[in-house]
Amino acid sequence: MVTLNWSLYIMAIPVLLQLSASVGANTPLTLAALLSAGIWGASTCITSDIGLLTAYSTKTTVYRHFKTKLPYSLMAFVLSAIAYLIGGLFF
């Protein structure tokens, strides 16, 4: 079943804003982390609408598309995690 990934933001952003304000976290940094995690998950998930549409439009299999983009997705994940850790320490 293909679902659209935008429902994550509809449910999570109001909760995240209240939670980050109550614990004293940097709200823009927390919101940016949620958005980048959602986009990363949507583009990396093999059954996501993004992956299925890209595989269909390039006339390749979903698994091959997933396998070829996985190293780049993991690099983006590691760099983002390092950036958010640094941002969390300094902001």
PDB file of N, CA and C in Angstrom:
ATOM      1  N   MET A   1       0.831  -1.177   0.000  1.00  0.00           N
ATOM      2  CA  MET A   1       0.000   0.000   0.000  1.00  0.00           C
ATOM      3  C   MET A   1       0.882   1.248   0.000  1.00  0.00           C
ATOM      4  N   VAL A   2       0.611   2.127  -0.891  1.00  0.00           N
ATOM      5  CA  VAL A   2       1.372   3.366  -0.994  1.00  0.00           C
ATOM      6  C   VAL A   2       0.633   4.450  -0.222  1.00  0.00           C
ATOM      7  N   THR A   3       1.329   5.103   0.670  1.00  0.00           N
ATOM      8  CA  THR A   3       0.732   6.210   1.400  1.00  0.00           C
ATOM      9  C   THR A   3       1.550   7.465   1.152  1.00  0.00           C
ATOM     10  N   LEU A   4       0.910   8.567   1.228  1.00  0.00           N
ATOM     11  CA  LEU A   4       1.624   9.827   1.101  1.00  0.00           C
ATOM     12  C   LEU A   4       2.297  10.152   2.423  1.00  0.00           C
ATOM     13  N   ASN A   5       3.464  10.703   2.367  1.00  0.00           N
ATOM     14  CA  ASN A   5       4.267  10.925   3.554  1.00  0.00           C
ATOM     15  C   ASN A   5       3.972  12.246   4.252  1.00  0.00           C
ATOM     16  N   TRP A   6       3.097  13.053   3.708  1.00  0.00           N
ATOM     17  CA  TRP A   6       2.838  14.361   4.297  1.00  0.00           C
ATOM     18  C   TRP A   6       2.003  14.252   5.565  1.00  0.00           C
ATOM     19  N   SER A   7       1.350  13.123   5.803  1.00  0.00           N
ATOM     20  CA  SER A   7       0.548  12.977   7.015  1.00  0.00           C
ATOM     21  C   SER A   7       1.421  12.975   8.269  1.00  0.00           C
ATOM     22  N   LEU A   8       2.687  12.635   8.138  1.00  0.00           N
ATOM     23  CA  LEU A   8       3.612  12.694   9.269  1.00  0.00           C
ATOM     24  C   LEU A   8       3.683  14.107   9.826  1.00  0.00           C
ATOM     25  N   TYR A   9       3.801  15.070   8.969  1.00  0.00           N
ATOM     26  CA  TYR A   9       3.953  16.451   9.403  1.00  0.00           C
ATOM     27  C   TYR A   9       2.659  16.996  10.013  1.00  0.00           C
ATOM     28  N   ILE A  10       1.523  16.568   9.501  1.00  0.00           N
ATOM     29  CA  ILE A  10       0.241  17.032  10.027  1.00  0.00           C
ATOM     30  C   ILE A  10       0.082  16.610  11.481  1.00  0.00           C
ATOM     31  N   MET A  11       0.553  15.412  11.807  1.00  0.00           N
ATOM     32  CA  MET A  11       0.411  14.919  13.176  1.00  0.00           C
ATOM     33  C   MET A  11       1.565  15.348  14.081  1.00  0.00           C
ATOM     34  N   ALA A  12       2.776  15.396  13.557  1.00  0.00           N
ATOM     35  CA  ALA A  12       3.945  15.563  14.416  1.00  0.00           C
ATOM     36  C   ALA A  12       4.298  17.015  14.723  1.00  0.00           C
ATOM     37  N   ILE A  13       4.073  17.928  13.823  1.00  0.00           N
ATOM     38  CA  ILE A  13       4.517  19.309  14.037  1.00  0.00           C
ATOM     39  C   ILE A  13       3.827  19.969  15.234  1.00  0.00           C
ATOM     40  N   PRO A  14       2.506  19.872  15.400  1.00  0.00           N
ATOM     41  CA  PRO A  14       1.920  20.501  16.591  1.00  0.00           C
ATOM     42  C   PRO A  14       2.437  19.907  17.901  1.00  0.00           C
ATOM     43  N   VAL A  15       2.620  18.605  17.927  1.00  0.00           N
ATOM     44  CA  VAL A  15       3.141  17.955  19.129  1.00  0.00           C
ATOM     45  C   VAL A  15       4.585  18.370  19.361  1.00  0.00           C
ATOM     46  N   LEU A  16       5.363  18.396  18.309  1.00  0.00           N
ATOM     47  CA  LEU A  16       6.781  18.747  18.421  1.00  0.00           C
ATOM     48  C   LEU A  16       6.978  20.183  18.888  1.00  0.00           C
ATOM     49  N   LEU A  17       6.170  21.100  18.398  1.00  0.00           N
ATOM     50  CA  LEU A  17       6.302  22.494  18.814  1.00  0.00           C
ATOM     51  C   LEU A  17       6.020  22.664  20.301  1.00  0.00           C
ATOM     52  N   GLN A  18       4.968  22.026  20.788  1.00  0.00           N
ATOM     53  CA  GLN A  18       4.646  22.107  22.213  1.00  0.00           C
ATOM     54  C   GLN A  18       5.712  21.417  23.063  1.00  0.00           C
ATOM     55  N   LEU A  19       6.175  20.274  22.612  1.00  0.00           N
ATOM     56  CA  LEU A  19       7.168  19.519  23.371  1.00  0.00           C
ATOM     57  C   LEU A  19       8.514  20.230  23.426  1.00  0.00           C
ATOM     58  N   SER A  20       8.950  20.773  22.298  1.00  0.00           N
ATOM     59  CA  SER A  20      10.240  21.463  22.294  1.00  0.00           C
ATOM     60  C   SER A  20      10.200  22.732  23.144  1.00  0.00           C
ATOM     61  N   ALA A  21       9.073  23.419  23.164  1.00  0.00           N
ATOM     62  CA  ALA A  21       8.955  24.614  24.003  1.00  0.00           C
ATOM     63  C   ALA A  21       8.944  24.244  25.490  1.00  0.00           C
ATOM     64  N   SER A  22       8.334  23.118  25.816  1.00  0.00           N
ATOM     65  CA  SER A  22       8.237  22.751  27.236  1.00  0.00           C
ATOM     66  C   SER A  22       9.554  22.228  27.804  1.00  0.00           C
ATOM     67  N   VAL A  23      10.410  21.652  26.969  1.00  0.00           N
ATOM     68  CA  VAL A  23      11.691  21.144  27.472  1.00  0.00           C
ATOM     69  C   VAL A  23      12.836  22.125  27.246  1.00  0.00           C
ATOM     70  N   GLY A  24      12.574  23.230  26.582  1.00  0.00           N
ATOM     71  CA  GLY A  24      13.599  24.247  26.373  1.00  0.00           C
ATOM     72  C   GLY A  24      14.526  23.962  25.206  1.00  0.00           C
ATOM     73  N   ALA A  25      14.087  23.153  24.274  1.00  0.00           N
ATOM     74  CA  ALA A  25      14.910  22.850  23.098  1.00  0.00           C
ATOM     75  C   ALA A  25      14.805  23.979  22.084  1.00  0.00           C
ATOM     76  N   ASN A  26      15.751  24.035  21.191  1.00  0.00           N
ATOM     77  CA  ASN A  26      15.745  25.011  20.108  1.00  0.00           C
ATOM     78  C   ASN A  26      14.658  24.596  19.115  1.00  0.00           C
ATOM     79  N   THR A  27      13.573  25.324  19.064  1.00  0.00           N
ATOM     80  CA  THR A  27      12.421  24.930  18.250  1.00  0.00           C
ATOM     81  C   THR A  27      12.728  24.915  16.750  1.00  0.00           C
ATOM     82  N   PRO A  28      13.397  25.928  16.170  1.00  0.00           N
ATOM     83  CA  PRO A  28      13.703  25.840  14.738  1.00  0.00           C
ATOM     84  C   PRO A  28      14.617  24.652  14.394  1.00  0.00           C
ATOM     85  N   LEU A  29      15.580  24.366  15.252  1.00  0.00           N
ATOM     86  CA  LEU A  29      16.463  23.231  15.001  1.00  0.00           C
ATOM     87  C   LEU A  29      15.705  21.914  15.121  1.00  0.00           C
ATOM     88  N   THR A  30      14.797  21.835  16.067  1.00  0.00           N
ATOM     89  CA  THR A  30      13.989  20.632  16.244  1.00  0.00           C
ATOM     90  C   THR A  30      13.044  20.431  15.068  1.00  0.00           C
ATOM     91  N   LEU A  31      12.441  21.495  14.601  1.00  0.00           N
ATOM     92  CA  LEU A  31      11.555  21.423  13.441  1.00  0.00           C
ATOM     93  C   LEU A  31      12.332  21.040  12.194  1.00  0.00           C
ATOM     94  N   ALA A  32      13.525  21.584  12.025  1.00  0.00           N
ATOM     95  CA  ALA A  32      14.365  21.229  10.879  1.00  0.00           C
ATOM     96  C   ALA A  32      14.763  19.757  10.921  1.00  0.00           C
ATOM     97  N   ALA A  33      15.031  19.251  12.123  1.00  0.00           N
ATOM     98  CA  ALA A  33      15.379  17.834  12.257  1.00  0.00           C
ATOM     99  C   ALA A  33      14.201  16.944  11.879  1.00  0.00           C
ATOM    100  N   LEU A  34      12.995  17.329  12.292  1.00  0.00           N
ATOM    101  CA  LEU A  34      11.811  16.560  11.928  1.00  0.00           C
ATOM    102  C   LEU A  34      11.597  16.569  10.422  1.00  0.00           C
ATOM    103  N   LEU A  35      11.718  17.730   9.814  1.00  0.00           N
ATOM    104  CA  LEU A  35      11.503  17.817   8.374  1.00  0.00           C
ATOM    105  C   LEU A  35      12.543  17.025   7.591  1.00  0.00           C
ATOM    106  N   SER A  36      13.802  17.123   7.979  1.00  0.00           N
ATOM    107  CA  SER A  36      14.827  16.386   7.246  1.00  0.00           C
ATOM    108  C   SER A  36      14.712  14.890   7.483  1.00  0.00           C
ATOM    109  N   ALA A  37      14.294  14.474   8.680  1.00  0.00           N
ATOM    110  CA  ALA A  37      14.092  13.045   8.931  1.00  0.00           C
ATOM    111  C   ALA A  37      12.926  12.505   8.111  1.00  0.00           C
ATOM    112  N   GLY A  38      11.871  13.281   8.009  1.00  0.00           N
ATOM    113  CA  GLY A  38      10.736  12.856   7.206  1.00  0.00           C
ATOM    114  C   GLY A  38      11.061  12.762   5.730  1.00  0.00           C
ATOM    115  N   ILE A  39      11.792  13.724   5.241  1.00  0.00           N
ATOM    116  CA  ILE A  39      12.176  13.695   3.827  1.00  0.00           C
ATOM    117  C   ILE A  39      13.144  12.558   3.561  1.00  0.00           C
ATOM    118  N   TRP A  40      14.099  12.347   4.490  1.00  0.00           N
ATOM    119  CA  TRP A  40      15.035  11.239   4.326  1.00  0.00           C
ATOM    120  C   TRP A  40      14.292   9.908   4.331  1.00  0.00           C
ATOM    121  N   GLY A  41      13.381   9.737   5.261  1.00  0.00           N
ATOM    122  CA  GLY A  41      12.623   8.492   5.324  1.00  0.00           C
ATOM    123  C   GLY A  41      11.757   8.277   4.104  1.00  0.00           C
ATOM    124  N   ALA A  42      11.161   9.339   3.608  1.00  0.00           N
ATOM    125  CA  ALA A  42      10.309   9.215   2.428  1.00  0.00           C
ATOM    126  C   ALA A  42      11.113   8.877   1.188  1.00  0.00           C
ATOM    127  N   SER A  43      12.297   9.438   1.064  1.00  0.00           N
ATOM    128  CA  SER A  43      13.084   9.161  -0.134  1.00  0.00           C
ATOM    129  C   SER A  43      13.861   7.857  -0.035  1.00  0.00           C
ATOM    130  N   THR A  44      14.088   7.349   1.171  1.00  0.00           N
ATOM    131  CA  THR A  44      14.853   6.120   1.334  1.00  0.00           C
ATOM    132  C   THR A  44      13.966   4.881   1.392  1.00  0.00           C
ATOM    133  N   CYS A  45      12.753   5.013   1.852  1.00  0.00           N
ATOM    134  CA  CYS A  45      11.860   3.865   2.001  1.00  0.00           C
ATOM    135  C   CYS A  45      11.562   3.240   0.633  1.00  0.00           C
ATOM    136  N   ILE A  46      11.653   1.932   0.583  1.00  0.00           N
ATOM    137  CA  ILE A  46      11.492   1.243  -0.697  1.00  0.00           C
ATOM    138  C   ILE A  46      10.042   1.270  -1.181  1.00  0.00           C
ATOM    139  N   THR A  47       9.087   1.380  -0.269  1.00  0.00           N
ATOM    140  CA  THR A  47       7.681   1.400  -0.675  1.00  0.00           C
ATOM    141  C   THR A  47       7.065   2.786  -0.639  1.00  0.00           C
ATOM    142  N   SER A  48       7.887   3.812  -0.541  1.00  0.00           N
ATOM    143  CA  SER A  48       7.377   5.171  -0.500  1.00  0.00           C
ATOM    144  C   SER A  48       6.889   5.598  -1.880  1.00  0.00           C
ATOM    145  N   ASP A  49       5.987   6.561  -1.884  1.00  0.00           N
ATOM    146  CA  ASP A  49       5.474   7.058  -3.159  1.00  0.00           C
ATOM    147  C   ASP A  49       6.582   7.687  -3.998  1.00  0.00           C
ATOM    148  N   ILE A  50       7.554   8.299  -3.351  1.00  0.00           N
ATOM    149  CA  ILE A  50       8.662   8.917  -4.083  1.00  0.00           C
ATOM    150  C   ILE A  50       9.475   7.862  -4.815  1.00  0.00           C
ATOM    151  N   GLY A  51       9.817   6.783  -4.118  1.00  0.00           N
ATOM    152  CA  GLY A  51      10.599   5.710  -4.740  1.00  0.00           C
ATOM    153  C   GLY A  51       9.852   4.997  -5.838  1.00  0.00           C
ATOM    154  N   LEU A  52       8.562   4.743  -5.609  1.00  0.00           N
ATOM    155  CA  LEU A  52       7.768   4.053  -6.621  1.00  0.00           C
ATOM    156  C   LEU A  52       7.598   4.904  -7.876  1.00  0.00           C
ATOM    157  N   LEU A  53       7.326   6.181  -7.700  1.00  0.00           N
ATOM    158  CA  LEU A  53       7.157   7.048  -8.869  1.00  0.00           C
ATOM    159  C   LEU A  53       8.466   7.240  -9.634  1.00  0.00           C
ATOM    160  N   THR A  54       9.571   7.361  -8.900  1.00  0.00           N
ATOM    161  CA  THR A  54      10.860   7.509  -9.567  1.00  0.00           C
ATOM    162  C   THR A  54      11.229   6.247 -10.330  1.00  0.00           C
ATOM    163  N   ALA A  55      11.024   5.090  -9.733  1.00  0.00           N
ATOM    164  CA  ALA A  55      11.334   3.832 -10.418  1.00  0.00           C
ATOM    165  C   ALA A  55      10.448   3.644 -11.643  1.00  0.00           C
ATOM    166  N   TYR A  56       9.176   3.984 -11.512  1.00  0.00           N
ATOM    167  CA  TYR A  56       8.272   3.846 -12.648  1.00  0.00           C
ATOM    168  C   TYR A  56       8.638   4.814 -13.770  1.00  0.00           C
ATOM    169  N   SER A  57       8.973   6.042 -13.420  1.00  0.00           N
ATOM    170  CA  SER A  57       9.267   7.032 -14.461  1.00  0.00           C
ATOM    171  C   SER A  57      10.609   6.787 -15.139  1.00  0.00           C
ATOM    172  N   THR A  58      11.533   6.121 -14.472  1.00  0.00           N
ATOM    173  CA  THR A  58      12.824   5.805 -15.095  1.00  0.00           C
ATOM    174  C   THR A  58      12.858   4.406 -15.682  1.00  0.00           C
ATOM    175  N   LYS A  59      11.720   3.720 -15.634  1.00  0.00           N
ATOM    176  CA  LYS A  59      11.570   2.377 -16.206  1.00  0.00           C
ATOM    177  C   LYS A  59      12.592   1.383 -15.635  1.00  0.00           C
ATOM    178  N   THR A  60      12.717   1.399 -14.331  1.00  0.00           N
ATOM    179  CA  THR A  60      13.578   0.454 -13.632  1.00  0.00           C
ATOM    180  C   THR A  60      12.775  -0.194 -12.508  1.00  0.00           C
ATOM    181  N   THR A  61      13.333  -1.198 -11.888  1.00  0.00           N
ATOM    182  CA  THR A  61      12.622  -1.837 -10.782  1.00  0.00           C
ATOM    183  C   THR A  61      12.788  -0.993  -9.519  1.00  0.00           C
ATOM    184  N   VAL A  62      11.875  -1.179  -8.606  1.00  0.00           N
ATOM    185  CA  VAL A  62      11.924  -0.428  -7.358  1.00  0.00           C
ATOM    186  C   VAL A  62      13.156  -0.826  -6.555  1.00  0.00           C
ATOM    187  N   TYR A  63      13.457  -2.129  -6.545  1.00  0.00           N
ATOM    188  CA  TYR A  63      14.612  -2.586  -5.783  1.00  0.00           C
ATOM    189  C   TYR A  63      15.913  -2.030  -6.348  1.00  0.00           C
ATOM    190  N   ARG A  64      16.046  -1.987  -7.662  1.00  0.00           N
ATOM    191  CA  ARG A  64      17.276  -1.439  -8.264  1.00  0.00           C
ATOM    192  C   ARG A  64      17.421   0.053  -7.952  1.00  0.00           C
ATOM    193  N   HIS A  65      16.320   0.765  -8.013  1.00  0.00           N
ATOM    194  CA  HIS A  65      16.349   2.187  -7.665  1.00  0.00           C
ATOM    195  C   HIS A  65      16.762   2.372  -6.206  1.00  0.00           C
ATOM    196  N   PHE A  66      16.209   1.551  -5.317  1.00  0.00           N
ATOM    197  CA  PHE A  66      16.552   1.624  -3.900  1.00  0.00           C
ATOM    198  C   PHE A  66      18.029   1.298  -3.686  1.00  0.00           C
ATOM    199  N   LYS A  67      18.511   0.271  -4.351  1.00  0.00           N
ATOM    200  CA  LYS A  67      19.893  -0.166  -4.175  1.00  0.00           C
ATOM    201  C   LYS A  67      20.890   0.868  -4.675  1.00  0.00           C
ATOM    202  N   THR A  68      20.574   1.569  -5.733  1.00  0.00           N
ATOM    203  CA  THR A  68      21.511   2.552  -6.265  1.00  0.00           C
ATOM    204  C   THR A  68      21.513   3.865  -5.478  1.00  0.00           C
ATOM    205  N   LYS A  69      20.404   4.201  -4.829  1.00  0.00           N
ATOM    206  CA  LYS A  69      20.385   5.465  -4.082  1.00  0.00           C
ATOM    207  C   LYS A  69      20.722   5.300  -2.607  1.00  0.00           C
ATOM    208  N   LEU A  70      20.799   4.065  -2.113  1.00  0.00           N
ATOM    209  CA  LEU A  70      21.055   3.837  -0.700  1.00  0.00           C
ATOM    210  C   LEU A  70      22.389   4.407  -0.220  1.00  0.00           C
ATOM    211  N   PRO A  71      23.509   4.258  -0.936  1.00  0.00           N
ATOM    212  CA  PRO A  71      24.756   4.856  -0.443  1.00  0.00           C
ATOM    213  C   PRO A  71      24.668   6.379  -0.294  1.00  0.00           C
ATOM    214  N   TYR A  72      24.004   7.038  -1.204  1.00  0.00           N
ATOM    215  CA  TYR A  72      23.859   8.488  -1.131  1.00  0.00           C
ATOM    216  C   TYR A  72      22.944   8.889   0.015  1.00  0.00           C
ATOM    217  N   SER A  73      21.897   8.117   0.244  1.00  0.00           N
ATOM    218  CA  SER A  73      21.001   8.391   1.358  1.00  0.00           C
ATOM    219  C   SER A  73      21.711   8.213   2.694  1.00  0.00           C
ATOM    220  N   LEU A  74      22.536   7.189   2.793  1.00  0.00           N
ATOM    221  CA  LEU A  74      23.271   6.973   4.035  1.00  0.00           C
ATOM    222  C   LEU A  74      24.302   8.065   4.285  1.00  0.00           C
ATOM    223  N   MET A  75      24.953   8.541   3.221  1.00  0.00           N
ATOM    224  CA  MET A  75      25.889   9.660   3.378  1.00  0.00           C
ATOM    225  C   MET A  75      25.159  10.914   3.864  1.00  0.00           C
ATOM    226  N   ALA A  76      23.999  11.185   3.294  1.00  0.00           N
ATOM    227  CA  ALA A  76      23.215  12.344   3.726  1.00  0.00           C
ATOM    228  C   ALA A  76      22.765  12.183   5.170  1.00  0.00           C
ATOM    229  N   PHE A  77      22.410  10.973   5.571  1.00  0.00           N
ATOM    230  CA  PHE A  77      22.001  10.715   6.947  1.00  0.00           C
ATOM    231  C   PHE A  77      23.142  10.989   7.924  1.00  0.00           C
ATOM    232  N   VAL A  78      24.317  10.478   7.617  1.00  0.00           N
ATOM    233  CA  VAL A  78      25.460  10.652   8.516  1.00  0.00           C
ATOM    234  C   VAL A  78      25.843  12.128   8.621  1.00  0.00           C
ATOM    235  N   LEU A  79      25.911  12.818   7.496  1.00  0.00           N
ATOM    236  CA  LEU A  79      26.263  14.239   7.528  1.00  0.00           C
ATOM    237  C   LEU A  79      25.219  15.066   8.272  1.00  0.00           C
ATOM    238  N   SER A  80      23.954  14.742   8.083  1.00  0.00           N
ATOM    239  CA  SER A  80      22.896  15.468   8.791  1.00  0.00           C
ATOM    240  C   SER A  80      22.940  15.187  10.284  1.00  0.00           C
ATOM    241  N   ALA A  81      23.182  13.953  10.649  1.00  0.00           N
ATOM    242  CA  ALA A  81      23.258  13.619  12.071  1.00  0.00           C
ATOM    243  C   ALA A  81      24.407  14.366  12.740  1.00  0.00           C
ATOM    244  N   ILE A  82      25.535  14.439  12.080  1.00  0.00           N
ATOM    245  CA  ILE A  82      26.676  15.182  12.626  1.00  0.00           C
ATOM    246  C   ILE A  82      26.330  16.663  12.731  1.00  0.00           C
ATOM    247  N   ALA A  83      25.705  17.218  11.705  1.00  0.00           N
ATOM    248  CA  ALA A  83      25.341  18.639  11.728  1.00  0.00           C
ATOM    249  C   ALA A  83      24.343  18.943  12.836  1.00  0.00           C
ATOM    250  N   TYR A  84      23.351  18.066  13.030  1.00  0.00           N
ATOM    251  CA  TYR A  84      22.373  18.306  14.087  1.00  0.00           C
ATOM    252  C   TYR A  84      22.970  18.116  15.471  1.00  0.00           C
ATOM    253  N   LEU A  85      23.912  17.216  15.628  1.00  0.00           N
ATOM    254  CA  LEU A  85      24.597  17.073  16.915  1.00  0.00           C
ATOM    255  C   LEU A  85      25.403  18.325  17.235  1.00  0.00           C
ATOM    256  N   ILE A  86      26.109  18.843  16.244  1.00  0.00           N
ATOM    257  CA  ILE A  86      26.864  20.076  16.447  1.00  0.00           C
ATOM    258  C   ILE A  86      25.917  21.248  16.734  1.00  0.00           C
ATOM    259  N   GLY A  87      24.832  21.328  15.974  1.00  0.00           N
ATOM    260  CA  GLY A  87      23.850  22.382  16.201  1.00  0.00           C
ATOM    261  C   GLY A  87      23.211  22.287  17.570  1.00  0.00           C
ATOM    262  N   GLY A  88      22.959  21.074  18.042  1.00  0.00           N
ATOM    263  CA  GLY A  88      22.387  20.897  19.363  1.00  0.00           C
ATOM    264  C   GLY A  88      23.328  21.285  20.479  1.00  0.00           C
ATOM    265  N   LEU A  89      24.622  21.101  20.244  1.00  0.00           N
ATOM    266  CA  LEU A  89      25.598  21.477  21.276  1.00  0.00           C
ATOM    267  C   LEU A  89      25.810  22.980  21.374  1.00  0.00           C
ATOM    268  N   PHE A  90      25.719  23.663  20.238  1.00  0.00           N
ATOM    269  CA  PHE A  90      26.031  25.090  20.219  1.00  0.00           C
ATOM    270  C   PHE A  90      24.817  26.004  20.244  1.00  0.00           C
ATOM    271  N   PHE A  91      23.626  25.494  19.954  1.00  0.00           N
ATOM    272  CA  PHE A  91      22.444  26.370  19.929  1.00  0.00           C
ATOM    273  C   PHE A  91      21.500  25.925  20.982  1.00  0.00           C
TER     274      PHE A  91
END
